[in-house]
């Protein structure tokens, strides 16, 4: 026997005022990019949520992930590397888009 809609049993439809801990935003990670192009270089610093993929960070500084190489020291990093701690990286554009 059907007793009716389950919506009728709600006492207070308002959302709770305190969010659970799992809803807290992830901490921010500082990412410093040294952009190397020809004989000049410049720096860009961004902060992204922990776990952001390197490809998203490269896009945020205005470069195409498909057209750039990113180095940590002398080690190339895959674009699907999650950023979980502060880091200083070298970004080298690999094509000029013309």
N, C-alpha and C. Protein backbone atom coordinates (compact mmCIF):
# COMPACT_ATOMS: atom_id res chain seq x y z
N UNK A 1 0.84 -1.17 0.00
CA UNK A 1 0.00 0.00 0.00
C UNK A 1 0.89 1.24 0.00
N UNK A 2 0.57 2.17 -0.90
CA UNK A 2 1.35 3.41 -1.04
C UNK A 2 0.87 4.43 -0.01
N UNK A 3 1.81 5.05 0.70
CA UNK A 3 1.45 6.02 1.74
C UNK A 3 1.58 7.45 1.28
N UNK A 4 1.93 7.70 0.02
CA UNK A 4 2.03 9.08 -0.47
C UNK A 4 3.47 9.48 -0.74
N UNK A 5 3.65 10.72 -1.04
CA UNK A 5 4.96 11.24 -1.42
C UNK A 5 5.90 11.32 -0.22
N UNK A 6 7.16 11.02 -0.45
CA UNK A 6 8.14 11.15 0.62
C UNK A 6 8.47 12.62 0.89
N UNK A 7 8.07 13.51 -0.01
CA UNK A 7 8.35 14.94 0.17
C UNK A 7 7.56 15.51 1.34
N UNK A 8 6.44 14.93 1.65
CA UNK A 8 5.60 15.44 2.73
C UNK A 8 6.20 15.23 4.10
N UNK A 9 7.17 14.35 4.23
CA UNK A 9 7.75 14.04 5.53
C UNK A 9 8.86 14.99 5.95
N UNK A 10 9.23 15.92 5.10
CA UNK A 10 10.31 16.85 5.45
C UNK A 10 9.82 17.88 6.45
N UNK A 11 10.64 18.11 7.46
CA UNK A 11 10.30 19.09 8.48
C UNK A 11 10.79 20.47 8.07
N UNK A 12 12.05 20.58 7.67
CA UNK A 12 12.65 21.87 7.34
C UNK A 12 13.44 21.73 6.03
N UNK A 13 12.93 22.27 4.91
CA UNK A 13 13.59 22.10 3.63
C UNK A 13 14.81 22.99 3.43
N UNK A 14 15.12 23.88 4.39
CA UNK A 14 16.27 24.76 4.24
C UNK A 14 17.57 23.97 4.37
N UNK A 15 18.64 24.40 3.64
CA UNK A 15 19.93 23.72 3.78
C UNK A 15 20.54 24.00 5.15
N UNK A 16 21.38 23.10 5.64
CA UNK A 16 22.01 23.35 6.94
C UNK A 16 22.92 24.57 6.87
N UNK A 17 23.06 25.27 8.00
CA UNK A 17 23.89 26.46 8.04
C UNK A 17 25.38 26.12 8.13
N UNK A 18 25.72 24.96 8.60
CA UNK A 18 27.11 24.55 8.72
C UNK A 18 27.36 23.44 7.71
N UNK A 19 28.35 23.65 6.85
CA UNK A 19 28.67 22.64 5.85
C UNK A 19 29.54 21.55 6.47
N UNK A 20 29.40 20.32 6.01
CA UNK A 20 30.28 19.27 6.53
C UNK A 20 31.73 19.52 6.10
N UNK A 21 32.67 18.93 6.81
CA UNK A 21 34.08 19.14 6.51
C UNK A 21 34.44 18.75 5.09
N UNK A 22 33.76 17.76 4.54
CA UNK A 22 34.08 17.33 3.18
C UNK A 22 33.76 18.41 2.15
N UNK A 23 32.97 19.40 2.51
CA UNK A 23 32.61 20.47 1.58
C UNK A 23 33.61 21.63 1.63
N UNK A 24 34.59 21.54 2.51
CA UNK A 24 35.59 22.59 2.60
C UNK A 24 36.42 22.60 1.31
N UNK A 25 36.75 23.80 0.81
CA UNK A 25 37.55 23.85 -0.41
C UNK A 25 38.96 23.32 -0.15
N UNK A 26 39.59 22.74 -1.17
CA UNK A 26 40.95 22.26 -0.97
C UNK A 26 41.91 23.43 -0.76
N UNK A 27 43.03 23.20 -0.08
CA UNK A 27 43.99 24.28 0.13
C UNK A 27 44.57 24.74 -1.21
N UNK A 28 45.03 25.98 -1.24
CA UNK A 28 45.62 26.52 -2.46
C UNK A 28 47.11 26.19 -2.52
N UNK A 29 47.59 25.97 -3.74
CA UNK A 29 48.99 25.65 -3.99
C UNK A 29 49.58 26.78 -4.84
N UNK A 30 50.71 27.30 -4.43
CA UNK A 30 51.40 28.36 -5.18
C UNK A 30 52.26 27.71 -6.27
N UNK A 31 52.05 28.16 -7.51
CA UNK A 31 52.80 27.64 -8.64
C UNK A 31 53.49 28.82 -9.32
N UNK A 32 54.82 28.76 -9.37
CA UNK A 32 55.59 29.80 -10.04
C UNK A 32 56.06 29.24 -11.38
N UNK A 33 55.76 29.97 -12.44
CA UNK A 33 56.21 29.59 -13.77
C UNK A 33 57.27 30.58 -14.24
N UNK A 34 58.39 30.07 -14.70
CA UNK A 34 59.39 30.88 -15.39
C UNK A 34 59.15 30.59 -16.87
N UNK A 35 58.66 31.60 -17.60
CA UNK A 35 58.36 31.45 -19.02
C UNK A 35 59.61 31.79 -19.81
N UNK A 36 60.11 30.83 -20.56
CA UNK A 36 61.34 31.02 -21.33
C UNK A 36 60.98 31.05 -22.80
N UNK A 37 61.32 32.17 -23.45
CA UNK A 37 61.03 32.33 -24.87
C UNK A 37 62.21 33.05 -25.52
N UNK A 38 62.88 32.40 -26.45
CA UNK A 38 64.05 32.95 -27.13
C UNK A 38 65.09 33.38 -26.08
N UNK A 39 65.51 34.64 -26.11
CA UNK A 39 66.54 35.11 -25.18
C UNK A 39 65.95 35.82 -23.97
N UNK A 40 64.64 35.76 -23.81
CA UNK A 40 64.03 36.47 -22.68
C UNK A 40 63.23 35.51 -21.81
N UNK A 41 63.03 35.90 -20.59
CA UNK A 41 62.20 35.11 -19.69
C UNK A 41 61.37 36.05 -18.83
N UNK A 42 60.26 35.52 -18.35
CA UNK A 42 59.39 36.28 -17.44
C UNK A 42 58.82 35.29 -16.44
N UNK A 43 58.22 35.82 -15.39
CA UNK A 43 57.66 34.95 -14.36
C UNK A 43 56.17 35.22 -14.18
N UNK A 44 55.44 34.18 -13.90
CA UNK A 44 54.01 34.26 -13.56
C UNK A 44 53.79 33.40 -12.33
N UNK A 45 53.04 33.91 -11.38
CA UNK A 45 52.72 33.17 -10.17
C UNK A 45 51.21 33.05 -10.09
N UNK A 46 50.72 31.83 -9.86
CA UNK A 46 49.29 31.61 -9.68
C UNK A 46 49.09 30.74 -8.46
N UNK A 47 47.89 30.74 -7.93
CA UNK A 47 47.50 29.83 -6.86
C UNK A 47 46.32 29.02 -7.35
N UNK A 48 46.41 27.72 -7.22
CA UNK A 48 45.36 26.82 -7.68
C UNK A 48 44.99 25.87 -6.55
N UNK A 49 43.78 25.31 -6.57
CA UNK A 49 43.41 24.33 -5.55
C UNK A 49 44.32 23.10 -5.65
N UNK A 50 44.68 22.55 -4.51
CA UNK A 50 45.51 21.35 -4.48
C UNK A 50 44.87 20.25 -5.31
N UNK A 51 45.67 19.59 -6.12
CA UNK A 51 45.17 18.53 -6.99
C UNK A 51 44.88 18.98 -8.40
N UNK A 52 44.97 20.29 -8.66
CA UNK A 52 44.76 20.81 -10.01
C UNK A 52 45.81 20.21 -10.93
N UNK A 53 45.38 19.80 -12.13
CA UNK A 53 46.32 19.22 -13.08
C UNK A 53 47.21 20.31 -13.67
N UNK A 54 48.44 19.94 -13.98
CA UNK A 54 49.40 20.86 -14.56
C UNK A 54 48.85 21.49 -15.83
N UNK A 55 48.13 20.73 -16.65
CA UNK A 55 47.57 21.27 -17.89
C UNK A 55 46.65 22.46 -17.62
N UNK A 56 45.86 22.41 -16.55
CA UNK A 56 44.97 23.51 -16.20
C UNK A 56 45.77 24.74 -15.77
N UNK A 57 46.86 24.52 -15.03
CA UNK A 57 47.70 25.64 -14.59
C UNK A 57 48.38 26.30 -15.79
N UNK A 58 48.85 25.50 -16.74
CA UNK A 58 49.48 26.06 -17.94
C UNK A 58 48.45 26.89 -18.71
N UNK A 59 47.24 26.40 -18.80
CA UNK A 59 46.18 27.14 -19.48
C UNK A 59 45.88 28.46 -18.75
N UNK A 60 45.90 28.44 -17.42
CA UNK A 60 45.62 29.65 -16.63
C UNK A 60 46.65 30.75 -16.85
N UNK A 61 47.89 30.38 -17.18
CA UNK A 61 48.90 31.41 -17.44
C UNK A 61 48.94 31.81 -18.91
N UNK A 62 47.96 31.33 -19.68
CA UNK A 62 47.80 31.80 -21.05
C UNK A 62 48.52 31.01 -22.12
N UNK A 63 48.87 29.77 -21.85
CA UNK A 63 49.57 28.96 -22.84
C UNK A 63 48.78 27.68 -23.11
N UNK A 64 48.99 27.13 -24.28
CA UNK A 64 48.34 25.88 -24.65
C UNK A 64 49.15 24.71 -24.10
N UNK A 65 48.52 23.81 -23.35
CA UNK A 65 49.25 22.65 -22.83
C UNK A 65 49.84 21.79 -23.95
N UNK A 66 49.16 21.75 -25.10
CA UNK A 66 49.64 20.95 -26.22
C UNK A 66 50.85 21.61 -26.90
N UNK A 67 51.06 22.90 -26.66
CA UNK A 67 52.16 23.62 -27.31
C UNK A 67 53.20 24.10 -26.34
N UNK A 68 53.41 23.35 -25.24
CA UNK A 68 54.38 23.77 -24.25
C UNK A 68 55.01 22.56 -23.58
N UNK A 69 56.22 22.76 -23.12
CA UNK A 69 56.90 21.76 -22.29
C UNK A 69 57.11 22.38 -20.92
N UNK A 70 56.90 21.58 -19.87
CA UNK A 70 57.08 22.08 -18.51
C UNK A 70 58.15 21.24 -17.84
N UNK A 71 59.11 21.93 -17.23
CA UNK A 71 60.23 21.26 -16.58
C UNK A 71 60.26 21.58 -15.09
N UNK A 72 60.55 20.57 -14.29
CA UNK A 72 60.83 20.76 -12.87
C UNK A 72 62.33 20.53 -12.73
N UNK A 73 63.08 21.63 -12.69
CA UNK A 73 64.53 21.52 -12.79
C UNK A 73 64.87 21.13 -14.22
N UNK A 74 65.42 19.94 -14.41
CA UNK A 74 65.72 19.44 -15.76
C UNK A 74 64.79 18.30 -16.16
N UNK A 75 63.82 17.99 -15.30
CA UNK A 75 62.91 16.87 -15.53
C UNK A 75 61.61 17.34 -16.17
N UNK A 76 61.26 16.81 -17.35
CA UNK A 76 59.97 17.17 -17.96
C UNK A 76 58.82 16.54 -17.16
N UNK A 77 57.73 17.29 -17.05
CA UNK A 77 56.56 16.79 -16.32
C UNK A 77 55.42 16.50 -17.28
N UNK A 78 54.69 15.39 -17.07
CA UNK A 78 53.48 15.13 -17.86
C UNK A 78 52.40 16.16 -17.51
N UNK A 79 51.59 16.51 -18.49
CA UNK A 79 50.53 17.50 -18.27
C UNK A 79 49.44 17.02 -17.32
N UNK A 80 49.37 15.70 -17.06
CA UNK A 80 48.34 15.21 -16.14
C UNK A 80 48.88 15.06 -14.71
N UNK A 81 50.00 15.74 -14.41
CA UNK A 81 50.56 15.73 -13.06
C UNK A 81 49.70 16.60 -12.14
N UNK A 82 49.22 16.05 -11.01
CA UNK A 82 48.47 16.89 -10.06
C UNK A 82 49.43 17.76 -9.25
N UNK A 83 49.05 19.01 -9.05
CA UNK A 83 49.86 19.95 -8.27
C UNK A 83 49.37 19.92 -6.83
N UNK A 84 50.22 19.43 -5.92
CA UNK A 84 49.80 19.26 -4.53
C UNK A 84 50.65 20.04 -3.53
N UNK A 85 51.75 20.60 -4.00
CA UNK A 85 52.60 21.39 -3.11
C UNK A 85 53.22 22.54 -3.90
N UNK A 86 53.65 23.61 -3.21
CA UNK A 86 54.24 24.75 -3.92
C UNK A 86 55.42 24.29 -4.79
N UNK A 87 55.50 24.89 -5.99
CA UNK A 87 56.53 24.46 -6.92
C UNK A 87 56.93 25.60 -7.84
N UNK A 88 58.18 25.56 -8.31
CA UNK A 88 58.68 26.53 -9.30
C UNK A 88 59.03 25.73 -10.54
N UNK A 89 58.39 26.06 -11.66
CA UNK A 89 58.53 25.30 -12.90
C UNK A 89 58.98 26.19 -14.05
N UNK A 90 59.63 25.58 -15.01
CA UNK A 90 60.01 26.28 -16.23
C UNK A 90 59.05 25.89 -17.33
N UNK A 91 58.46 26.88 -18.01
CA UNK A 91 57.52 26.63 -19.10
C UNK A 91 58.16 27.11 -20.40
N UNK A 92 58.27 26.19 -21.35
CA UNK A 92 58.89 26.51 -22.63
C UNK A 92 57.85 26.29 -23.73
N UNK A 93 57.36 27.38 -24.37
CA UNK A 93 56.45 27.19 -25.50
C UNK A 93 57.18 26.45 -26.62
N UNK A 94 56.50 25.48 -27.24
CA UNK A 94 57.16 24.67 -28.26
C UNK A 94 56.73 25.06 -29.68
N UNK A 95 55.76 25.95 -29.81
CA UNK A 95 55.41 26.50 -31.14
C UNK A 95 54.88 27.90 -30.95
N UNK A 96 54.92 28.69 -32.03
CA UNK A 96 54.56 30.09 -31.93
C UNK A 96 53.17 30.41 -32.45
N UNK A 97 52.44 29.44 -32.96
CA UNK A 97 51.04 29.63 -33.32
C UNK A 97 50.77 30.49 -34.55
N UNK A 98 51.63 30.59 -35.48
CA UNK A 98 51.41 31.43 -36.65
C UNK A 98 51.15 30.66 -37.81
